[in-house]
């Protein structure tokens, strides 16, 4: 199964992409516009689901190592 072969770093990249997608989806939307657009709501909720699913599979020691690398600009 491919899922078990995804590294913590790859999962964090998926999270980063999902965040960028949410920002792109919502950048020109007011709260009212957002709340009246079911497609936009579902698209952003889907990306939040991706974030949630990805983060639960990142091993904490691996996450700590990656965060340390990010802080040291080595990511």
Protein backbone atom coordinates (compact mmCIF):
# COMPACT_ATOMS: atom_id res chain seq x y z
CA UNK A 1 0.00 0.00 0.00
CA UNK A 2 1.48 3.34 -1.06
CA UNK A 3 0.16 5.18 2.02
CA UNK A 4 2.59 3.40 4.33
CA UNK A 5 5.50 4.54 2.18
CA UNK A 6 4.74 8.26 2.50
CA UNK A 7 7.37 9.92 4.66
CA UNK A 8 6.72 12.48 7.37
CA UNK A 9 8.39 15.10 5.22
CA UNK A 10 6.07 14.27 2.31
CA UNK A 11 3.06 14.47 4.62
CA UNK A 12 4.20 17.90 5.81
CA UNK A 13 4.54 18.95 2.18
CA UNK A 14 0.94 17.79 1.63
CA UNK A 15 -0.10 19.93 4.60
CA UNK A 16 1.81 22.91 3.23
CA UNK A 17 0.10 22.48 -0.16
CA UNK A 18 -3.34 22.17 1.44
CA UNK A 19 -2.75 25.40 3.36
CA UNK A 20 -1.65 27.16 0.17
CA UNK A 21 -4.76 25.87 -1.59
CA UNK A 22 -7.04 27.14 1.19
CA UNK A 23 -5.37 30.54 1.01
CA UNK A 24 -5.79 30.63 -2.77
CA UNK A 25 -9.42 29.51 -2.60
CA UNK A 26 -10.37 32.16 -0.06
CA UNK A 27 -8.09 35.13 -0.82
CA UNK A 28 -10.78 37.14 -2.65
CA UNK A 29 -13.75 36.03 -0.54
CA UNK A 30 -15.44 37.95 2.22
CA UNK A 31 -16.97 36.00 5.08
CA UNK A 32 -20.40 36.49 3.51
CA UNK A 33 -19.23 35.35 0.08
CA UNK A 34 -17.57 32.31 1.59
CA UNK A 35 -20.61 31.31 3.64
CA UNK A 36 -22.87 31.56 0.58
CA UNK A 37 -20.67 29.39 -1.65
CA UNK A 38 -21.16 25.70 -0.87
CA UNK A 39 -18.49 24.66 -3.38
CA UNK A 40 -15.92 26.88 -1.69
CA UNK A 41 -16.95 25.62 1.74
CA UNK A 42 -16.60 21.99 0.66
CA UNK A 43 -13.27 22.63 -1.06
CA UNK A 44 -11.77 24.21 2.04
CA UNK A 45 -13.23 21.55 4.34
CA UNK A 46 -11.69 18.87 2.12
CA UNK A 47 -8.29 20.53 2.44
CA UNK A 48 -8.69 20.67 6.24
CA UNK A 49 -9.46 16.94 6.16
CA UNK A 50 -6.22 16.38 4.22
CA UNK A 51 -4.33 18.36 6.87
CA UNK A 52 -5.90 16.36 9.69
CA UNK A 53 -5.29 13.02 8.04
CA UNK A 54 -1.69 13.87 7.20
CA UNK A 55 -0.70 15.17 10.61
CA UNK A 56 -1.96 12.12 12.52
CA UNK A 57 0.44 9.95 10.53
CA UNK A 58 3.55 12.02 11.22
CA UNK A 59 5.66 10.37 13.89
CA UNK A 60 6.32 12.84 16.74
CA UNK A 61 10.11 12.33 16.85
CA UNK A 62 10.19 12.72 13.07
CA UNK A 63 8.00 15.84 13.30
CA UNK A 64 10.34 17.31 15.91
CA UNK A 65 13.35 16.62 13.67
CA UNK A 66 11.68 18.24 10.66
CA UNK A 67 10.65 21.29 12.69
CA UNK A 68 14.23 21.64 13.90
CA UNK A 69 15.42 21.43 10.29
CA UNK A 70 12.90 24.07 9.24
CA UNK A 71 14.06 26.35 12.01
CA UNK A 72 17.66 25.80 10.90
CA UNK A 73 16.64 26.47 7.25
CA UNK A 74 17.62 22.98 6.15
CA UNK A 75 14.20 21.71 5.05
